[in-house]
C-alpha atoms as a PDB file:
ATOM      1  CA  MET A   1     237.500   2.606   1.989  1.00  0.00           C
ATOM      2  CA  LYS A   2     235.742  -0.670   1.333  1.00  0.00           C
ATOM      3  CA  LEU A   3     231.302  -0.554   0.109  1.00  0.00           C
ATOM      4  CA  ILE A   4     230.590  -2.452   3.306  1.00  0.00           C
ATOM      5  CA  HIS A   5     231.204   0.365   5.187  1.00  0.00           C
ATOM      6  CA  GLN A   6     229.285   2.945   3.222  1.00  0.00           C
ATOM      7  CA  PHE A   7     226.192   1.058   1.478  1.00  0.00           C
ATOM      8  CA  GLU A   8     223.835  -2.084   2.093  1.00  0.00           C
ATOM      9  CA  LEU A   9     225.183  -4.383  -0.524  1.00  0.00           C
ATOM     10  CA  SER A  10     222.753  -6.181  -2.892  1.00  0.00           C
ATOM     11  CA  ILE A  11     222.578  -7.764  -6.241  1.00  0.00           C
ATOM     12  CA  SER A  12     219.305  -8.171  -8.218  1.00  0.00           C
ATOM     13  CA  ASP A  13     218.376 -11.642  -8.999  1.00  0.00           C
ATOM     14  CA  ASP A  14     216.812 -10.992 -12.267  1.00  0.00           C
ATOM     15  CA  LYS A  15     219.764  -9.328 -13.128  1.00  0.00           C
ATOM     16  CA  LEU A  16     222.174 -12.079 -12.666  1.00  0.00           C
ATOM     17  CA  LEU A  17     219.683 -14.615 -14.156  1.00  0.00           C
ATOM     18  CA  LYS A  18     219.395 -12.375 -17.358  1.00  0.00           C
ATOM     19  CA  TYR A  19     223.450 -12.641 -17.619  1.00  0.00           C
ATOM     20  CA  LEU A  20     223.420 -16.028 -16.966  1.00  0.00           C
ATOM     21  CA  SER A  21     219.835 -17.211 -19.248  1.00  0.00           C
ATOM     22  CA  SER A  22     221.487 -16.694 -22.381  1.00  0.00           C
ATOM     23  CA  ASP A  23     223.018 -19.689 -24.260  1.00  0.00           C
ATOM     24  CA  SER A  24     224.568 -20.191 -27.951  1.00  0.00           C
ATOM     25  CA  GLN A  25     220.912 -19.997 -29.547  1.00  0.00           C
ATOM     26  CA  THR A  26     220.378 -16.771 -28.443  1.00  0.00           C
ATOM     27  CA  LYS A  27     221.920 -13.421 -28.582  1.00  0.00           C
ATOM     28  CA  SER A  28     224.198 -13.993 -25.433  1.00  0.00           C
ATOM     29  CA  THR A  29     226.845 -11.116 -23.977  1.00  0.00           C
ATOM     30  CA  ASP A  30     230.345 -11.156 -23.161  1.00  0.00           C
ATOM     31  CA  LYS A  31     229.339 -11.433 -19.696  1.00  0.00           C
ATOM     32  CA  SER A  32     227.039 -14.189 -20.028  1.00  0.00           C
ATOM     33  CA  LYS A  33     229.695 -16.449 -21.913  1.00  0.00           C
ATOM     34  CA  LEU A  34     232.546 -15.788 -19.460  1.00  0.00           C
ATOM     35  CA  PHE A  35     230.383 -16.667 -16.108  1.00  0.00           C
ATOM     36  CA  SER A  36     229.343 -19.998 -18.435  1.00  0.00           C
ATOM     37  CA  LEU A  37     232.791 -20.738 -19.362  1.00  0.00           C
ATOM     38  CA  HIS A  38     233.935 -20.308 -15.833  1.00  0.00           C
ATOM     39  CA  GLY A  39     230.552 -22.585 -14.140  1.00  0.00           C
ATOM     40  CA  PHE A  40     228.386 -20.306 -13.357  1.00  0.00           C
ATOM     41  CA  HIS A  41     224.722 -20.963 -14.913  1.00  0.00           C
ATOM     42  CA  SER A  42     220.980 -19.906 -13.964  1.00  0.00           C
ATOM     43  CA  GLU A  43     220.552 -23.156 -11.479  1.00  0.00           C
ATOM     44  CA  ASN A  44     223.792 -21.696  -9.366  1.00  0.00           C
ATOM     45  CA  PHE A  45     223.068 -18.054  -9.439  1.00  0.00           C
ATOM     46  CA  SER A  46     223.289 -17.323  -5.580  1.00  0.00           C
ATOM     47  CA  LEU A  47     226.920 -18.759  -6.203  1.00  0.00           C
ATOM     48  CA  LEU A  48     227.894 -16.018  -8.746  1.00  0.00           C
ATOM     49  CA  LYS A  49     226.003 -13.115  -6.066  1.00  0.00           C
ATOM     50  CA  ASN A  50     227.388 -14.610  -3.341  1.00  0.00           C
ATOM     51  CA  GLU A  51     231.006 -14.212  -5.077  1.00  0.00           C
ATOM     52  CA  ILE A  52     230.489 -10.773  -6.382  1.00  0.00           C
ATOM     53  CA  ILE A  53     229.544  -9.622  -2.758  1.00  0.00           C
ATOM     54  CA  SER A  54     232.571 -11.394  -1.153  1.00  0.00           C
ATOM     55  CA  ILE A  55     234.493  -8.824  -3.604  1.00  0.00           C
ATOM     56  CA  ALA A  56     232.996  -5.545  -2.189  1.00  0.00           C
ATOM     57  CA  GLU A  57     233.074  -7.238   1.585  1.00  0.00           C
ATOM     58  CA  ARG A  58     236.779  -7.809   1.272  1.00  0.00           C
ATOM     59  CA  ASN A  59     238.291  -5.091  -1.469  1.00  0.00           C
ATOM     60  CA  GLU A  60     239.042  -1.464  -1.185  1.00  0.00           C
ATOM     61  CA  ILE A  61     237.387   0.824  -3.918  1.00  0.00           C
ATOM     62  CA  GLU A  62     239.374   1.474  -6.913  1.00  0.00           C
ATOM     63  CA  SER A  63     237.329   4.166  -8.370  1.00  0.00           C
ATOM     64  CA  ILE A  64     234.543   6.149  -8.245  1.00  0.00           C
ATOM     65  CA  SER A  65     232.321   7.587 -10.892  1.00  0.00           C
ATOM     66  CA  GLU A  66     229.220   9.374 -11.907  1.00  0.00           C
ATOM     67  CA  ASN A  67     227.015  10.021 -14.782  1.00  0.00           C
ATOM     68  CA  GLU A  68     223.279  10.251 -15.696  1.00  0.00           C
ATOM     69  CA  PHE A  69     222.557   6.856 -14.112  1.00  0.00           C
ATOM     70  CA  GLY A  70     224.399   7.341 -10.735  1.00  0.00           C
ATOM     71  CA  ILE A  71     227.405   6.444  -9.101  1.00  0.00           C
ATOM     72  CA  PHE A  72     229.565   3.755 -10.028  1.00  0.00           C
ATOM     73  CA  TYR A  73     232.121   2.032  -7.832  1.00  0.00           C
ATOM     74  CA  VAL A  74     234.676  -0.146  -8.883  1.00  0.00           C
ATOM     75  CA  VAL A  75     235.712  -2.877  -7.085  1.00  0.00           C
ATOM     76  CA  SER A  76     238.180  -5.958  -8.331  1.00  0.00           C
ATOM     77  CA  GLY A  77     239.247  -9.291  -6.541  1.00  0.00           C
ATOM     78  CA  GLU A  78     238.799 -12.755  -6.692  1.00  0.00           C
ATOM     79  CA  ILE A  79     236.154 -15.049  -6.943  1.00  0.00           C
ATOM     80  CA  ARG A  80     236.256 -19.109  -6.813  1.00  0.00           C
ATOM     81  CA  ASN A  81     234.585 -20.512  -9.625  1.00  0.00           C
ATOM     82  CA  PRO A  82     231.985 -23.740  -8.917  1.00  0.00           C
ATOM     83  CA  ASP A  83     235.472 -26.080  -9.907  1.00  0.00           C
ATOM     84  CA  GLY A  84     237.548 -24.432  -7.241  1.00  0.00           C
ATOM     85  CA  LYS A  85     239.458 -22.160  -9.441  1.00  0.00           C
ATOM     86  CA  HIS A  86     240.021 -18.637  -8.944  1.00  0.00           C
ATOM     87  CA  LEU A  87     238.863 -15.818 -11.750  1.00  0.00           C
ATOM     88  CA  LEU A  88     240.049 -12.260 -11.381  1.00  0.00           C
ATOM     89  CA  LEU A  89     236.607 -10.344 -11.559  1.00  0.00           C
ATOM     90  CA  GLN A  90     235.711  -6.008 -11.631  1.00  0.00           C
ATOM     91  CA  THR A  91     232.459  -5.057 -10.709  1.00  0.00           C
ATOM     92  CA  ILE A  92     230.797  -1.892 -11.011  1.00  0.00           C
END
C-alpha cells in the first residue's frame, strides 16, 4: 500500500527549516548534519520537501506503528541531492 492512496501528503515547512537551519555553531541534529552534507540547506528546503514527498508517492509502506503521538508510516526510497547524487532515505 502507498501513502498517496490513503492520505494527502504534506510536510511542514517549519519542520524542514528547523532541520536545515542548524549549523556548527549551534546544537545541530544528526538530521541537519546529514542533509547539509548532501547539499540541502534552508535556502533550498523546497527541494528536500519535494524529494521526501516523492518517496511516499513512489514506494510502498514498509511498516505501521502507533503510540500516544499518533500513527507512524515508514517508507524508504531514494532522493536526489542538489548535486544529482542519490541518497537512500527512510521517512516516518
